[in-house]
Amino acid sequence: MLFSFVKVPCAAPMLLILLSKILIGGTIQDLSLLLVFGAGVLTPFIGVGIIGGCGSSSKIREHRDVIKAASGMILIGFGFWLLFWM
């Protein structure tokens, strides 16, 4: 719930822009943008739910360092992608 309060000021304007594009233009490309946006907003919640549910498992505890390193590399890679290609 706390993540939702932090996310809303950033995501709400984009959501409103996408919804207005769909209402005015209404192309399939606009609808696909909205679906991709929705998937991107929901992905952290699904990931936290899966990891939180399996976090108490002993198999996850054994690989905790690998998971931290992989998620850190993904975040760094995404940061470079945003920096250089956007």
PDB file of N, CA and C in Angstrom:
ATOM      1  N   MET A   1       0.820  -1.194   0.000  1.00  0.00           N
ATOM      2  CA  MET A   1       0.000   0.000   0.000  1.00  0.00           C
ATOM      3  C   MET A   1       0.862   1.255   0.000  1.00  0.00           C
ATOM      4  N   LEU A   2       1.964   1.224   0.744  1.00  0.00           N
ATOM      5  CA  LEU A   2       2.820   2.398   0.816  1.00  0.00           C
ATOM      6  C   LEU A   2       3.419   2.726  -0.551  1.00  0.00           C
ATOM      7  N   PHE A   3       3.782   1.698  -1.311  1.00  0.00           N
ATOM      8  CA  PHE A   3       4.335   1.923  -2.650  1.00  0.00           C
ATOM      9  C   PHE A   3       3.311   2.611  -3.549  1.00  0.00           C
ATOM     10  N   SER A   4       2.038   2.321  -3.374  1.00  0.00           N
ATOM     11  CA  SER A   4       0.995   2.943  -4.197  1.00  0.00           C
ATOM     12  C   SER A   4       0.932   4.447  -3.968  1.00  0.00           C
ATOM     13  N   PHE A   5       1.087   4.881  -2.720  1.00  0.00           N
ATOM     14  CA  PHE A   5       1.046   6.312  -2.438  1.00  0.00           C
ATOM     15  C   PHE A   5       2.228   7.035  -3.068  1.00  0.00           C
ATOM     16  N   VAL A   6       3.359   6.381  -3.154  1.00  0.00           N
ATOM     17  CA  VAL A   6       4.538   6.985  -3.759  1.00  0.00           C
ATOM     18  C   VAL A   6       4.428   6.974  -5.279  1.00  0.00           C
ATOM     19  N   LYS A   7       3.810   5.946  -5.828  1.00  0.00           N
ATOM     20  CA  LYS A   7       3.743   5.760  -7.272  1.00  0.00           C
ATOM     21  C   LYS A   7       2.701   6.653  -7.944  1.00  0.00           C
ATOM     22  N   VAL A   8       1.620   6.962  -7.272  1.00  0.00           N
ATOM     23  CA  VAL A   8       0.494   7.661  -7.898  1.00  0.00           C
ATOM     24  C   VAL A   8       0.877   9.010  -8.496  1.00  0.00           C
ATOM     25  N   PRO A   9       1.626   9.887  -7.822  1.00  0.00           N
ATOM     26  CA  PRO A   9       1.947  11.171  -8.455  1.00  0.00           C
ATOM     27  C   PRO A   9       2.763  11.039  -9.741  1.00  0.00           C
ATOM     28  N   CYS A  10       3.501   9.951  -9.870  1.00  0.00           N
ATOM     29  CA  CYS A  10       4.312   9.756 -11.074  1.00  0.00           C
ATOM     30  C   CYS A  10       3.519   9.064 -12.181  1.00  0.00           C
ATOM     31  N   ALA A  11       2.683   8.123 -11.825  1.00  0.00           N
ATOM     32  CA  ALA A  11       1.995   7.318 -12.830  1.00  0.00           C
ATOM     33  C   ALA A  11       0.674   7.921 -13.286  1.00  0.00           C
ATOM     34  N   ALA A  12       0.013   8.681 -12.437  1.00  0.00           N
ATOM     35  CA  ALA A  12      -1.316   9.202 -12.785  1.00  0.00           C
ATOM     36  C   ALA A  12      -1.310  10.116 -14.013  1.00  0.00           C
ATOM     37  N   PRO A  13      -0.361  11.049 -14.165  1.00  0.00           N
ATOM     38  CA  PRO A  13      -0.389  11.882 -15.380  1.00  0.00           C
ATOM     39  C   PRO A  13      -0.223  11.070 -16.665  1.00  0.00           C
ATOM     40  N   MET A  14       0.638  10.078 -16.627  1.00  0.00           N
ATOM     41  CA  MET A  14       0.830   9.242 -17.816  1.00  0.00           C
ATOM     42  C   MET A  14      -0.426   8.445 -18.123  1.00  0.00           C
ATOM     43  N   LEU A  15      -1.068   7.948 -17.093  1.00  0.00           N
ATOM     44  CA  LEU A  15      -2.310   7.207 -17.281  1.00  0.00           C
ATOM     45  C   LEU A  15      -3.389   8.100 -17.878  1.00  0.00           C
ATOM     46  N   LEU A  16      -3.489   9.323 -17.407  1.00  0.00           N
ATOM     47  CA  LEU A  16      -4.486  10.252 -17.951  1.00  0.00           C
ATOM     48  C   LEU A  16      -4.204  10.599 -19.411  1.00  0.00           C
ATOM     49  N   ILE A  17      -2.930  10.762 -19.754  1.00  0.00           N
ATOM     50  CA  ILE A  17      -2.575  11.039 -21.145  1.00  0.00           C
ATOM     51  C   ILE A  17      -2.939   9.861 -22.041  1.00  0.00           C
ATOM     52  N   LEU A  18      -2.630   8.653 -21.600  1.00  0.00           N
ATOM     53  CA  LEU A  18      -2.957   7.466 -22.393  1.00  0.00           C
ATOM     54  C   LEU A  18      -4.466   7.297 -22.541  1.00  0.00           C
ATOM     55  N   LEU A  19      -5.204   7.530 -21.470  1.00  0.00           N
ATOM     56  CA  LEU A  19      -6.663   7.416 -21.557  1.00  0.00           C
ATOM     57  C   LEU A  19      -7.256   8.468 -22.488  1.00  0.00           C
ATOM     58  N   SER A  20      -6.739   9.696 -22.461  1.00  0.00           N
ATOM     59  CA  SER A  20      -7.254  10.724 -23.369  1.00  0.00           C
ATOM     60  C   SER A  20      -6.911  10.395 -24.823  1.00  0.00           C
ATOM     61  N   LYS A  21      -5.724   9.807 -25.059  1.00  0.00           N
ATOM     62  CA  LYS A  21      -5.384   9.396 -26.430  1.00  0.00           C
ATOM     63  C   LYS A  21      -6.329   8.312 -26.923  1.00  0.00           C
ATOM     64  N   ILE A  22      -6.685   7.394 -26.036  1.00  0.00           N
ATOM     65  CA  ILE A  22      -7.590   6.318 -26.434  1.00  0.00           C
ATOM     66  C   ILE A  22      -8.981   6.866 -26.700  1.00  0.00           C
ATOM     67  N   LEU A  23      -9.443   7.792 -25.875  1.00  0.00           N
ATOM     68  CA  LEU A  23     -10.780   8.350 -26.061  1.00  0.00           C
ATOM     69  C   LEU A  23     -10.871   9.224 -27.310  1.00  0.00           C
ATOM     70  N   ILE A  24      -9.806   9.945 -27.635  1.00  0.00           N
ATOM     71  CA  ILE A  24      -9.835  10.826 -28.808  1.00  0.00           C
ATOM     72  C   ILE A  24      -9.521  10.051 -30.083  1.00  0.00           C
ATOM     73  N   GLY A  25      -8.384   9.360 -30.105  1.00  0.00           N
ATOM     74  CA  GLY A  25      -7.969   8.650 -31.313  1.00  0.00           C
ATOM     75  C   GLY A  25      -8.508   7.241 -31.385  1.00  0.00           C
ATOM     76  N   GLY A  26      -8.270   6.500 -30.350  1.00  0.00           N
ATOM     77  CA  GLY A  26      -8.794   5.152 -30.239  1.00  0.00           C
ATOM     78  C   GLY A  26      -8.175   4.130 -31.181  1.00  0.00           C
ATOM     79  N   THR A  27      -6.866   4.199 -31.411  1.00  0.00           N
ATOM     80  CA  THR A  27      -6.239   3.206 -32.272  1.00  0.00           C
ATOM     81  C   THR A  27      -5.785   2.006 -31.443  1.00  0.00           C
ATOM     82  N   ILE A  28      -5.458   0.943 -32.132  1.00  0.00           N
ATOM     83  CA  ILE A  28      -4.960  -0.261 -31.472  1.00  0.00           C
ATOM     84  C   ILE A  28      -3.604   0.011 -30.826  1.00  0.00           C
ATOM     85  N   GLN A  29      -2.791   0.859 -31.444  1.00  0.00           N
ATOM     86  CA  GLN A  29      -1.489   1.185 -30.872  1.00  0.00           C
ATOM     87  C   GLN A  29      -1.650   1.888 -29.527  1.00  0.00           C
ATOM     88  N   ASP A  30      -2.622   2.799 -29.419  1.00  0.00           N
ATOM     89  CA  ASP A  30      -2.859   3.461 -28.141  1.00  0.00           C
ATOM     90  C   ASP A  30      -3.318   2.474 -27.072  1.00  0.00           C
ATOM     91  N   LEU A  31      -4.147   1.542 -27.453  1.00  0.00           N
ATOM     92  CA  LEU A  31      -4.599   0.534 -26.510  1.00  0.00           C
ATOM     93  C   LEU A  31      -3.445  -0.360 -26.073  1.00  0.00           C
ATOM     94  N   SER A  32      -2.557  -0.692 -26.999  1.00  0.00           N
ATOM     95  CA  SER A  32      -1.407  -1.518 -26.633  1.00  0.00           C
ATOM     96  C   SER A  32      -0.464  -0.755 -25.691  1.00  0.00           C
ATOM     97  N   LEU A  33      -0.334   0.562 -25.890  1.00  0.00           N
ATOM     98  CA  LEU A  33       0.468   1.365 -24.958  1.00  0.00           C
ATOM     99  C   LEU A  33      -0.122   1.331 -23.555  1.00  0.00           C
ATOM    100  N   LEU A  34      -1.450   1.398 -23.472  1.00  0.00           N
ATOM    101  CA  LEU A  34      -2.099   1.337 -22.169  1.00  0.00           C
ATOM    102  C   LEU A  34      -1.905  -0.029 -21.511  1.00  0.00           C
ATOM    103  N   LEU A  35      -1.962  -1.082 -22.293  1.00  0.00           N
ATOM    104  CA  LEU A  35      -1.755  -2.419 -21.737  1.00  0.00           C
ATOM    105  C   LEU A  35      -0.322  -2.613 -21.251  1.00  0.00           C
ATOM    106  N   VAL A  36       0.647  -2.100 -21.999  1.00  0.00           N
ATOM    107  CA  VAL A  36       2.047  -2.192 -21.585  1.00  0.00           C
ATOM    108  C   VAL A  36       2.283  -1.354 -20.333  1.00  0.00           C
ATOM    109  N   PHE A  37       1.658  -0.176 -20.267  1.00  0.00           N
ATOM    110  CA  PHE A  37       1.774   0.670 -19.083  1.00  0.00           C
ATOM    111  C   PHE A  37       1.188  -0.033 -17.858  1.00  0.00           C
ATOM    112  N   GLY A  38       0.032  -0.638 -18.024  1.00  0.00           N
ATOM    113  CA  GLY A  38      -0.589  -1.367 -16.924  1.00  0.00           C
ATOM    114  C   GLY A  38       0.258  -2.538 -16.465  1.00  0.00           C
ATOM    115  N   ALA A  39       0.850  -3.243 -17.409  1.00  0.00           N
ATOM    116  CA  ALA A  39       1.732  -4.360 -17.040  1.00  0.00           C
ATOM    117  C   ALA A  39       2.959  -3.858 -16.297  1.00  0.00           C
ATOM    118  N   GLY A  40       3.493  -2.714 -16.714  1.00  0.00           N
ATOM    119  CA  GLY A  40       4.652  -2.147 -16.030  1.00  0.00           C
ATOM    120  C   GLY A  40       4.341  -1.670 -14.632  1.00  0.00           C
ATOM    121  N   VAL A  41       3.128  -1.160 -14.429  1.00  0.00           N
ATOM    122  CA  VAL A  41       2.741  -0.710 -13.092  1.00  0.00           C
ATOM    123  C   VAL A  41       2.493  -1.908 -12.173  1.00  0.00           C
ATOM    124  N   LEU A  42       1.953  -2.988 -12.707  1.00  0.00           N
ATOM    125  CA  LEU A  42       1.629  -4.148 -11.880  1.00  0.00           C
ATOM    126  C   LEU A  42       2.808  -5.070 -11.609  1.00  0.00           C
ATOM    127  N   THR A  43       3.832  -5.020 -12.449  1.00  0.00           N
ATOM    128  CA  THR A  43       4.965  -5.934 -12.309  1.00  0.00           C
ATOM    129  C   THR A  43       5.646  -5.868 -10.935  1.00  0.00           C
ATOM    130  N   PRO A  44       5.914  -4.676 -10.370  1.00  0.00           N
ATOM    131  CA  PRO A  44       6.534  -4.674  -9.032  1.00  0.00           C
ATOM    132  C   PRO A  44       5.665  -5.341  -7.968  1.00  0.00           C
ATOM    133  N   PHE A  45       4.357  -5.159  -8.051  1.00  0.00           N
ATOM    134  CA  PHE A  45       3.475  -5.772  -7.062  1.00  0.00           C
ATOM    135  C   PHE A  45       3.473  -7.291  -7.185  1.00  0.00           C
ATOM    136  N   ILE A  46       3.459  -7.772  -8.398  1.00  0.00           N
ATOM    137  CA  ILE A  46       3.485  -9.219  -8.608  1.00  0.00           C
ATOM    138  C   ILE A  46       4.822  -9.790  -8.138  1.00  0.00           C
ATOM    139  N   GLY A  47       5.916  -9.095  -8.457  1.00  0.00           N
ATOM    140  CA  GLY A  47       7.229  -9.561  -8.026  1.00  0.00           C
ATOM    141  C   GLY A  47       7.377  -9.578  -6.518  1.00  0.00           C
ATOM    142  N   VAL A  48       6.914  -8.519  -5.860  1.00  0.00           N
ATOM    143  CA  VAL A  48       6.990  -8.478  -4.396  1.00  0.00           C
ATOM    144  C   VAL A  48       6.124  -9.575  -3.786  1.00  0.00           C
ATOM    145  N   GLY A  49       4.967  -9.826  -4.377  1.00  0.00           N
ATOM    146  CA  GLY A  49       4.100 -10.878  -3.865  1.00  0.00           C
ATOM    147  C   GLY A  49       4.716 -12.254  -4.006  1.00  0.00           C
ATOM    148  N   ILE A  50       5.325 -12.509  -5.149  1.00  0.00           N
ATOM    149  CA  ILE A  50       5.942 -13.825  -5.363  1.00  0.00           C
ATOM    150  C   ILE A  50       7.161 -14.004  -4.461  1.00  0.00           C
ATOM    151  N   ILE A  51       8.013 -12.997  -4.423  1.00  0.00           N
ATOM    152  CA  ILE A  51       9.213 -13.101  -3.593  1.00  0.00           C
ATOM    153  C   ILE A  51       8.851 -13.114  -2.114  1.00  0.00           C
ATOM    154  N   GLY A  52       7.844 -12.321  -1.735  1.00  0.00           N
ATOM    155  CA  GLY A  52       7.422 -12.318  -0.340  1.00  0.00           C
ATOM    156  C   GLY A  52       6.817 -13.645   0.077  1.00  0.00           C
ATOM    157  N   GLY A  53       6.074 -14.258  -0.820  1.00  0.00           N
ATOM    158  CA  GLY A  53       5.481 -15.542  -0.500  1.00  0.00           C
ATOM    159  C   GLY A  53       6.492 -16.661  -0.447  1.00  0.00           C
ATOM    160  N   CYS A  54       7.488 -16.576  -1.283  1.00  0.00           N
ATOM    161  CA  CYS A  54       8.521 -17.620  -1.306  1.00  0.00           C
ATOM    162  C   CYS A  54       9.741 -17.250  -0.475  1.00  0.00           C
ATOM    163  N   GLY A  55       9.751 -16.045   0.096  1.00  0.00           N
ATOM    164  CA  GLY A  55      10.924 -15.569   0.830  1.00  0.00           C
ATOM    165  C   GLY A  55      11.240 -16.375   2.064  1.00  0.00           C
ATOM    166  N   SER A  56      10.234 -16.980   2.643  1.00  0.00           N
ATOM    167  CA  SER A  56      10.496 -17.764   3.844  1.00  0.00           C
ATOM    168  C   SER A  56      10.969 -19.177   3.511  1.00  0.00           C
ATOM    169  N   SER A  57      10.960 -19.527   2.242  1.00  0.00           N
ATOM    170  CA  SER A  57      11.408 -20.845   1.827  1.00  0.00           C
ATOM    171  C   SER A  57      12.923 -20.965   1.991  1.00  0.00           C
ATOM    172  N   SER A  58      13.377 -22.119   2.382  1.00  0.00           N
ATOM    173  CA  SER A  58      14.815 -22.319   2.580  1.00  0.00           C
ATOM    174  C   SER A  58      15.572 -22.294   1.255  1.00  0.00           C
ATOM    175  N   LYS A  59      14.912 -22.664   0.165  1.00  0.00           N
ATOM    176  CA  LYS A  59      15.584 -22.625  -1.140  1.00  0.00           C
ATOM    177  C   LYS A  59      15.915 -21.190  -1.540  1.00  0.00           C
ATOM    178  N   ILE A  60      15.013 -20.258  -1.240  1.00  0.00           N
ATOM    179  CA  ILE A  60      15.260 -18.858  -1.568  1.00  0.00           C
ATOM    180  C   ILE A  60      16.369 -18.298  -0.679  1.00  0.00           C
ATOM    181  N   ARG A  61      16.367 -18.661   0.587  1.00  0.00           N
ATOM    182  CA  ARG A  61      17.394 -18.156   1.507  1.00  0.00           C
ATOM    183  C   ARG A  61      18.797 -18.568   1.074  1.00  0.00           C
ATOM    184  N   GLU A  62      18.927 -19.747   0.487  1.00  0.00           N
ATOM    185  CA  GLU A  62      20.243 -20.207   0.040  1.00  0.00           C
ATOM    186  C   GLU A  62      20.778 -19.363  -1.107  1.00  0.00           C
ATOM    187  N   HIS A  63      19.892 -18.806  -1.936  1.00  0.00           N
ATOM    188  CA  HIS A  63      20.299 -18.060  -3.130  1.00  0.00           C
ATOM    189  C   HIS A  63      20.062 -16.560  -2.970  1.00  0.00           C
ATOM    190  N   ARG A  64      19.962 -16.087  -1.744  1.00  0.00           N
ATOM    191  CA  ARG A  64      19.657 -14.676  -1.505  1.00  0.00           C
ATOM    192  C   ARG A  64      20.726 -13.750  -2.090  1.00  0.00           C
ATOM    193  N   ASP A  65      21.988 -14.108  -1.974  1.00  0.00           N
ATOM    194  CA  ASP A  65      23.064 -13.255  -2.503  1.00  0.00           C
ATOM    195  C   ASP A  65      23.019 -13.179  -4.020  1.00  0.00           C
ATOM    196  N   VAL A  66      22.711 -14.278  -4.668  1.00  0.00           N
ATOM    197  CA  VAL A  66      22.611 -14.289  -6.129  1.00  0.00           C
ATOM    198  C   VAL A  66      21.427 -13.440  -6.578  1.00  0.00           C
ATOM    199  N   ILE A  67      20.325 -13.527  -5.876  1.00  0.00           N
ATOM    200  CA  ILE A  67      19.134 -12.742  -6.221  1.00  0.00           C
ATOM    201  C   ILE A  67      19.426 -11.254  -6.060  1.00  0.00           C
ATOM    202  N   LYS A  68      20.107 -10.877  -4.981  1.00  0.00           N
ATOM    203  CA  LYS A  68      20.453  -9.470  -4.776  1.00  0.00           C
ATOM    204  C   LYS A  68      21.385  -8.965  -5.878  1.00  0.00           C
ATOM    205  N   ALA A  69      22.376  -9.765  -6.237  1.00  0.00           N
ATOM    206  CA  ALA A  69      23.315  -9.353  -7.284  1.00  0.00           C
ATOM    207  C   ALA A  69      22.615  -9.225  -8.635  1.00  0.00           C
ATOM    208  N   ALA A  70      21.748 -10.179  -8.956  1.00  0.00           N
ATOM    209  CA  ALA A  70      21.045 -10.134 -10.240  1.00  0.00           C
ATOM    210  C   ALA A  70      20.085  -8.946 -10.299  1.00  0.00           C
ATOM    211  N   SER A  71      19.363  -8.691  -9.225  1.00  0.00           N
ATOM    212  CA  SER A  71      18.437  -7.557  -9.246  1.00  0.00           C
ATOM    213  C   SER A  71      19.201  -6.243  -9.298  1.00  0.00           C
ATOM    214  N   GLY A  72      20.351  -6.160  -8.650  1.00  0.00           N
ATOM    215  CA  GLY A  72      21.171  -4.964  -8.739  1.00  0.00           C
ATOM    216  C   GLY A  72      21.682  -4.722 -10.147  1.00  0.00           C
ATOM    217  N   MET A  73      22.119  -5.779 -10.811  1.00  0.00           N
ATOM    218  CA  MET A  73      22.589  -5.650 -12.198  1.00  0.00           C
ATOM    219  C   MET A  73      21.454  -5.227 -13.130  1.00  0.00           C
ATOM    220  N   ILE A  74      20.267  -5.757 -12.901  1.00  0.00           N
ATOM    221  CA  ILE A  74      19.109  -5.365 -13.718  1.00  0.00           C
ATOM    222  C   ILE A  74      18.807  -3.891 -13.520  1.00  0.00           C
ATOM    223  N   LEU A  75      18.831  -3.416 -12.275  1.00  0.00           N
ATOM    224  CA  LEU A  75      18.562  -1.998 -12.012  1.00  0.00           C
ATOM    225  C   LEU A  75      19.634  -1.100 -12.625  1.00  0.00           C
ATOM    226  N   ILE A  76      20.883  -1.493 -12.524  1.00  0.00           N
ATOM    227  CA  ILE A  76      21.955  -0.701 -13.125  1.00  0.00           C
ATOM    228  C   ILE A  76      21.817  -0.692 -14.648  1.00  0.00           C
ATOM    229  N   GLY A  77      21.522  -1.842 -15.238  1.00  0.00           N
ATOM    230  CA  GLY A  77      21.325  -1.907 -16.683  1.00  0.00           C
ATOM    231  C   GLY A  77      20.153  -1.063 -17.141  1.00  0.00           C
ATOM    232  N   PHE A  78      19.064  -1.101 -16.390  1.00  0.00           N
ATOM    233  CA  PHE A  78      17.904  -0.277 -16.734  1.00  0.00           C
ATOM    234  C   PHE A  78      18.240   1.208 -16.618  1.00  0.00           C
ATOM    235  N   GLY A  79      19.043   1.570 -15.609  1.00  0.00           N
ATOM    236  CA  GLY A  79      19.463   2.963 -15.472  1.00  0.00           C
ATOM    237  C   GLY A  79      20.296   3.428 -16.656  1.00  0.00           C
ATOM    238  N   PHE A  80      21.243   2.584 -17.099  1.00  0.00           N
ATOM    239  CA  PHE A  80      22.029   2.945 -18.285  1.00  0.00           C
ATOM    240  C   PHE A  80      21.165   3.018 -19.527  1.00  0.00           C
ATOM    241  N   TRP A  81      20.189   2.122 -19.641  1.00  0.00           N
ATOM    242  CA  TRP A  81      19.283   2.157 -20.781  1.00  0.00           C
ATOM    243  C   TRP A  81      18.505   3.467 -20.807  1.00  0.00           C
ATOM    244  N   LEU A  82      17.994   3.891 -19.651  1.00  0.00           N
ATOM    245  CA  LEU A  82      17.278   5.165 -19.581  1.00  0.00           C
ATOM    246  C   LEU A  82      18.185   6.348 -19.877  1.00  0.00           C
ATOM    247  N   LEU A  83      19.431   6.264 -19.413  1.00  0.00           N
ATOM    248  CA  LEU A  83      20.360   7.357 -19.587  1.00  0.00           C
ATOM    249  C   LEU A  83      20.781   7.536 -21.048  1.00  0.00           C
ATOM    250  N   PHE A  84      21.057   6.430 -21.748  1.00  0.00           N
ATOM    251  CA  PHE A  84      21.629   6.528 -23.076  1.00  0.00           C
ATOM    252  C   PHE A  84      20.649   6.341 -24.233  1.00  0.00           C
ATOM    253  N   TRP A  85      19.539   5.671 -24.028  1.00  0.00           N
ATOM    254  CA  TRP A  85      18.662   5.394 -25.151  1.00  0.00           C
ATOM    255  C   TRP A  85      17.288   6.068 -25.071  1.00  0.00           C
ATOM    256  N   MET A  86      17.045   6.791 -24.030  1.00  0.00           N
ATOM    257  CA  MET A  86      15.738   7.447 -23.939  1.00  0.00           C
ATOM    258  C   MET A  86      15.872   8.923 -24.187  1.00  0.00           C
TER     259      MET A  86
END
